Structures are given as structure tokens and as C-alpha cells.
Amino acid sequence: AGDQGKKVHGFVIKVGLGWDVSVQNSHMQMYRECGIVDSVSKVFDKMPERDVVSWGTLIGGYNSNRCFGEATDIVREMHAVGVKPSEVTMINVFAGFGDQ
């Protein structure tokens, strides 16, 4: 699934749709579900614009892969740049604490 997803991601970028926030969030979610947390982070880092879904997906990706320290760091960074977490983001945060 990860290889197919990478092909789709590459195609979307090639045709010029790759920088839409919703499309990027979808790519992050796809990589998260495939367990490829490095790719989740890479997409996030390259995004020129992020929304609360972007941040929540990154946090969830780290938690899903048991990278709880990284997830906590992202929550701090989110707060530092003034992004208010949504209810879903907080569920991702608390889920990580429960899994530790």
C-alpha cells in the first residue's frame, strides 16, 4: 500500500495539485495508515501552509508509531506558533498518553 501511495503522491504533485492543504493532509493520513511516519513528517515539513488537521495528523502519526516524545514535541511546537488544537487533535494527544 505504501508504494502505491507514494506513486499517487508523486502523480498529484506532478499534475500541480500537490500543494493544496487538504490534498497534503490526505497524503499525510495515507502515510500514517501505512506506518511510514518519516513520510508523514516529510510532507508536513514541506507544506507551505498548514491547518489544525495537518498538525493533528502529524501528532497521530507519531503516536501510531509509538513515538510519543516526538508527538509531545509537536504539541509544544503547535502551541508556540499559535495553532489552537481541535478536539480531534486532543484525542490524538491523549491516546498517545494512554498507549505509553
N, C-alpha and C. Protein backbone atom coordinates (compact mmCIF):
# COMPACT_ATOMS: atom_id res chain seq x y z
N ALA A 1 0.83 -1.21 0.00
CA ALA A 1 0.00 0.00 0.00
C ALA A 1 0.87 1.26 0.00
N GLY A 2 1.97 1.23 0.73
CA GLY A 2 2.84 2.39 0.80
C GLY A 2 3.44 2.76 -0.53
N ASP A 3 3.85 1.74 -1.30
CA ASP A 3 4.43 2.02 -2.62
C ASP A 3 3.40 2.63 -3.57
N GLN A 4 2.19 2.09 -3.55
CA GLN A 4 1.12 2.65 -4.39
C GLN A 4 0.82 4.08 -3.97
N GLY A 5 0.77 4.31 -2.68
CA GLY A 5 0.50 5.65 -2.17
C GLY A 5 1.57 6.64 -2.59
N LYS A 6 2.82 6.20 -2.56
CA LYS A 6 3.92 7.08 -2.99
C LYS A 6 3.77 7.44 -4.47
N LYS A 7 3.33 6.47 -5.29
CA LYS A 7 3.12 6.74 -6.71
C LYS A 7 2.01 7.77 -6.91
N VAL A 8 0.92 7.60 -6.18
CA VAL A 8 -0.19 8.56 -6.28
C VAL A 8 0.27 9.93 -5.82
N HIS A 9 0.99 9.98 -4.72
CA HIS A 9 1.50 11.25 -4.19
C HIS A 9 2.37 11.94 -5.25
N GLY A 10 3.27 11.20 -5.86
CA GLY A 10 4.13 11.76 -6.91
C GLY A 10 3.33 12.27 -8.09
N PHE A 11 2.30 11.52 -8.49
CA PHE A 11 1.46 11.94 -9.61
C PHE A 11 0.72 13.23 -9.30
N VAL A 12 0.17 13.31 -8.11
CA VAL A 12 -0.59 14.51 -7.71
C VAL A 12 0.31 15.74 -7.73
N ILE A 13 1.53 15.60 -7.28
CA ILE A 13 2.48 16.71 -7.32
C ILE A 13 2.81 17.07 -8.77
N LYS A 14 3.02 16.04 -9.58
CA LYS A 14 3.38 16.25 -10.99
C LYS A 14 2.32 17.04 -11.75
N VAL A 15 1.04 16.78 -11.45
CA VAL A 15 -0.04 17.48 -12.17
C VAL A 15 -0.41 18.81 -11.51
N GLY A 16 0.30 19.18 -10.46
CA GLY A 16 0.12 20.51 -9.88
C GLY A 16 -0.91 20.63 -8.78
N LEU A 17 -1.39 19.51 -8.26
CA LEU A 17 -2.39 19.57 -7.19
C LEU A 17 -1.79 19.32 -5.81
N GLY A 18 -0.50 19.12 -5.78
CA GLY A 18 0.15 18.66 -4.56
C GLY A 18 0.28 19.66 -3.44
N TRP A 19 0.01 20.94 -3.67
CA TRP A 19 0.23 21.92 -2.60
C TRP A 19 -1.04 22.38 -1.92
N ASP A 20 -2.16 21.79 -2.28
CA ASP A 20 -3.41 22.08 -1.59
C ASP A 20 -3.36 21.45 -0.19
N VAL A 21 -3.76 22.21 0.81
CA VAL A 21 -3.66 21.73 2.20
C VAL A 21 -4.44 20.43 2.40
N SER A 22 -5.65 20.36 1.87
CA SER A 22 -6.46 19.15 2.04
C SER A 22 -5.81 17.94 1.37
N VAL A 23 -5.23 18.16 0.20
CA VAL A 23 -4.55 17.07 -0.51
C VAL A 23 -3.33 16.62 0.30
N GLN A 24 -2.57 17.56 0.80
CA GLN A 24 -1.39 17.22 1.61
C GLN A 24 -1.80 16.48 2.89
N ASN A 25 -2.88 16.93 3.52
CA ASN A 25 -3.36 16.24 4.71
C ASN A 25 -3.74 14.80 4.39
N SER A 26 -4.34 14.60 3.22
CA SER A 26 -4.70 13.25 2.79
C SER A 26 -3.46 12.39 2.59
N HIS A 27 -2.42 12.97 2.00
CA HIS A 27 -1.17 12.23 1.84
C HIS A 27 -0.59 11.86 3.20
N MET A 28 -0.62 12.80 4.13
CA MET A 28 -0.10 12.52 5.47
C MET A 28 -0.87 11.38 6.11
N GLN A 29 -2.20 11.41 5.98
CA GLN A 29 -3.03 10.36 6.57
C GLN A 29 -2.73 9.00 5.92
N MET A 30 -2.54 8.99 4.61
CA MET A 30 -2.22 7.75 3.91
C MET A 30 -0.90 7.17 4.43
N TYR A 31 0.12 8.02 4.55
CA TYR A 31 1.40 7.54 5.07
C TYR A 31 1.27 7.09 6.52
N ARG A 32 0.45 7.79 7.29
CA ARG A 32 0.22 7.40 8.69
C ARG A 32 -0.38 6.00 8.75
N GLU A 33 -1.40 5.76 7.93
CA GLU A 33 -2.06 4.46 7.94
C GLU A 33 -1.14 3.35 7.45
N CYS A 34 -0.17 3.69 6.63
CA CYS A 34 0.81 2.71 6.15
C CYS A 34 1.96 2.53 7.14
N GLY A 35 1.97 3.33 8.20
CA GLY A 35 3.02 3.23 9.21
C GLY A 35 4.35 3.84 8.78
N ILE A 36 4.30 4.78 7.82
CA ILE A 36 5.53 5.41 7.31
C ILE A 36 5.62 6.81 7.91
N VAL A 37 5.96 6.87 9.19
CA VAL A 37 5.94 8.15 9.91
C VAL A 37 6.96 9.14 9.35
N ASP A 38 8.07 8.65 8.81
CA ASP A 38 9.05 9.57 8.21
C ASP A 38 8.43 10.35 7.05
N SER A 39 7.60 9.68 6.26
CA SER A 39 6.95 10.36 5.14
C SER A 39 5.88 11.34 5.62
N VAL A 40 5.20 10.99 6.72
CA VAL A 40 4.22 11.93 7.30
C VAL A 40 4.95 13.22 7.65
N SER A 41 6.07 13.09 8.32
CA SER A 41 6.86 14.24 8.75
C SER A 41 7.40 15.02 7.55
N LYS A 42 7.87 14.32 6.52
CA LYS A 42 8.41 14.99 5.34
C LYS A 42 7.35 15.82 4.63
N VAL A 43 6.15 15.26 4.48
CA VAL A 43 5.06 16.02 3.84
C VAL A 43 4.76 17.26 4.67
N PHE A 44 4.64 17.08 5.99
CA PHE A 44 4.35 18.20 6.88
C PHE A 44 5.41 19.29 6.76
N ASP A 45 6.66 18.89 6.78
CA ASP A 45 7.76 19.86 6.73
C ASP A 45 7.78 20.66 5.43
N LYS A 46 7.32 20.07 4.35
CA LYS A 46 7.34 20.74 3.04
C LYS A 46 6.09 21.57 2.77
N MET A 47 5.10 21.48 3.64
CA MET A 47 3.84 22.19 3.41
C MET A 47 4.03 23.70 3.58
N PRO A 48 3.69 24.48 2.56
CA PRO A 48 3.80 25.93 2.70
C PRO A 48 2.72 26.50 3.61
N GLU A 49 1.63 25.77 3.74
CA GLU A 49 0.51 26.19 4.59
C GLU A 49 0.01 24.96 5.33
N ARG A 50 -0.27 25.12 6.62
CA ARG A 50 -0.76 24.01 7.44
C ARG A 50 -2.02 24.45 8.16
N ASP A 51 -2.88 23.49 8.45
CA ASP A 51 -4.04 23.78 9.27
C ASP A 51 -4.02 22.84 10.48
N VAL A 52 -5.04 22.94 11.31
CA VAL A 52 -5.07 22.13 12.53
C VAL A 52 -5.11 20.65 12.19
N VAL A 53 -5.70 20.28 11.06
CA VAL A 53 -5.72 18.88 10.63
C VAL A 53 -4.30 18.39 10.34
N SER A 54 -3.50 19.24 9.72
CA SER A 54 -2.10 18.88 9.42
C SER A 54 -1.36 18.55 10.71
N TRP A 55 -1.49 19.42 11.69
CA TRP A 55 -0.81 19.21 12.97
C TRP A 55 -1.33 17.95 13.66
N GLY A 56 -2.64 17.77 13.67
CA GLY A 56 -3.22 16.59 14.32
C GLY A 56 -2.81 15.29 13.65
N THR A 57 -2.71 15.32 12.33
CA THR A 57 -2.29 14.12 11.61
C THR A 57 -0.84 13.78 11.92
N LEU A 58 0.01 14.79 12.02
CA LEU A 58 1.41 14.56 12.38
C LEU A 58 1.51 13.97 13.79
N ILE A 59 0.78 14.55 14.73
CA ILE A 59 0.78 14.04 16.10
C ILE A 59 0.28 12.60 16.13
N GLY A 60 -0.82 12.35 15.43
CA GLY A 60 -1.36 10.99 15.38
C GLY A 60 -0.40 10.01 14.73
N GLY A 61 0.32 10.47 13.72
CA GLY A 61 1.31 9.60 13.07
C GLY A 61 2.41 9.18 14.03
N TYR A 62 2.90 10.13 14.79
CA TYR A 62 3.92 9.78 15.78
C TYR A 62 3.36 8.84 16.84
N ASN A 63 2.16 9.14 17.34
CA ASN A 63 1.56 8.28 18.36
C ASN A 63 1.32 6.87 17.83
N SER A 64 0.82 6.77 16.59
CA SER A 64 0.55 5.46 15.99
C SER A 64 1.80 4.60 15.89
N ASN A 65 2.93 5.26 15.79
CA ASN A 65 4.20 4.55 15.67
C ASN A 65 4.99 4.55 16.98
N ARG A 66 4.28 4.86 18.06
CA ARG A 66 4.83 4.82 19.42
C ARG A 66 6.01 5.77 19.61
N CYS A 67 5.97 6.89 18.90
CA CYS A 67 6.99 7.94 19.02
C CYS A 67 6.40 9.07 19.87
N PHE A 68 6.15 8.75 21.13
CA PHE A 68 5.40 9.66 21.99
C PHE A 68 6.16 10.94 22.32
N GLY A 69 7.46 10.86 22.45
CA GLY A 69 8.26 12.06 22.72
C GLY A 69 8.15 13.05 21.57
N GLU A 70 8.23 12.53 20.34
CA GLU A 70 8.12 13.40 19.17
C GLU A 70 6.73 14.03 19.10
N ALA A 71 5.70 13.24 19.42
CA ALA A 71 4.33 13.76 19.40
C ALA A 71 4.19 14.90 20.40
N THR A 72 4.75 14.73 21.58
CA THR A 72 4.70 15.77 22.61
C THR A 72 5.44 17.02 22.15
N ASP A 73 6.57 16.84 21.48
CA ASP A 73 7.32 17.98 20.94
C ASP A 73 6.48 18.75 19.93
N ILE A 74 5.73 18.04 19.10
CA ILE A 74 4.90 18.69 18.08
C ILE A 74 3.78 19.48 18.75
N VAL A 75 3.21 18.95 19.83
CA VAL A 75 2.18 19.69 20.56
C VAL A 75 2.76 21.00 21.09
N ARG A 76 3.96 20.95 21.62
CA ARG A 76 4.62 22.17 22.11
C ARG A 76 4.86 23.16 20.96
N GLU A 77 5.34 22.64 19.83
CA GLU A 77 5.59 23.50 18.67
C GLU A 77 4.28 24.12 18.16
N MET A 78 3.24 23.32 18.14
CA MET A 78 1.92 23.80 17.71
C MET A 78 1.49 24.98 18.58
N HIS A 79 1.65 24.81 19.89
CA HIS A 79 1.30 25.87 20.83
C HIS A 79 2.16 27.11 20.60
N ALA A 80 3.46 26.90 20.37
CA ALA A 80 4.40 28.01 20.21
C ALA A 80 4.09 28.87 18.99
N VAL A 81 3.56 28.25 17.93
CA VAL A 81 3.25 29.01 16.72
C VAL A 81 1.80 29.52 16.71
N GLY A 82 1.08 29.27 17.81
CA GLY A 82 -0.25 29.84 17.96
C GLY A 82 -1.38 29.09 17.29
N VAL A 83 -1.18 27.79 17.03
CA VAL A 83 -2.26 26.99 16.44
C VAL A 83 -3.05 26.36 17.58
N LYS A 84 -4.34 26.62 17.59
CA LYS A 84 -5.21 26.08 18.64
C LYS A 84 -5.63 24.66 18.25
N PRO A 85 -5.37 23.68 19.11
CA PRO A 85 -5.73 22.30 18.77
C PRO A 85 -7.24 22.10 18.74
N SER A 86 -7.67 21.23 17.85
CA SER A 86 -9.08 20.86 17.78
C SER A 86 -9.35 19.73 18.77
N GLU A 87 -10.60 19.35 18.88
CA GLU A 87 -10.96 18.22 19.74
C GLU A 87 -10.28 16.95 19.25
N VAL A 88 -10.24 16.77 17.93
CA VAL A 88 -9.61 15.57 17.36
C VAL A 88 -8.11 15.56 17.66
N THR A 89 -7.48 16.71 17.58
CA THR A 89 -6.05 16.78 17.91
C THR A 89 -5.83 16.35 19.36
N MET A 90 -6.67 16.82 20.25
CA MET A 90 -6.52 16.47 21.66
C MET A 90 -6.78 14.98 21.89
N ILE A 91 -7.69 14.39 21.14
CA ILE A 91 -7.92 12.95 21.24
C ILE A 91 -6.64 12.21 20.85
N ASN A 92 -5.98 12.67 19.77
CA ASN A 92 -4.71 12.06 19.36
C ASN A 92 -3.66 12.20 20.45
N VAL A 93 -3.61 13.37 21.08
CA VAL A 93 -2.63 13.60 22.14
C VAL A 93 -2.88 12.65 23.30
N PHE A 94 -4.12 12.61 23.78
CA PHE A 94 -4.44 11.78 24.93
C PHE A 94 -4.32 10.29 24.62
N ALA A 95 -4.61 9.90 23.40
CA ALA A 95 -4.45 8.50 23.00
C ALA A 95 -2.99 8.08 23.15
N GLY A 96 -2.10 8.98 22.80
CA GLY A 96 -0.67 8.68 22.95
C GLY A 96 -0.27 8.47 24.39
N PHE A 97 -0.82 9.29 25.28
CA PHE A 97 -0.50 9.12 26.70
C PHE A 97 -1.03 7.78 27.21
N GLY A 98 -2.19 7.38 26.72
CA GLY A 98 -2.77 6.11 27.14
C GLY A 98 -1.99 4.90 26.66
N ASP A 99 -1.29 5.05 25.55
CA ASP A 99 -0.53 3.93 24.98
C ASP A 99 0.86 3.77 25.57
N GLN A 100 1.30 4.75 26.36
CA GLN A 100 2.68 4.69 26.87
C GLN A 100 2.84 3.61 27.90
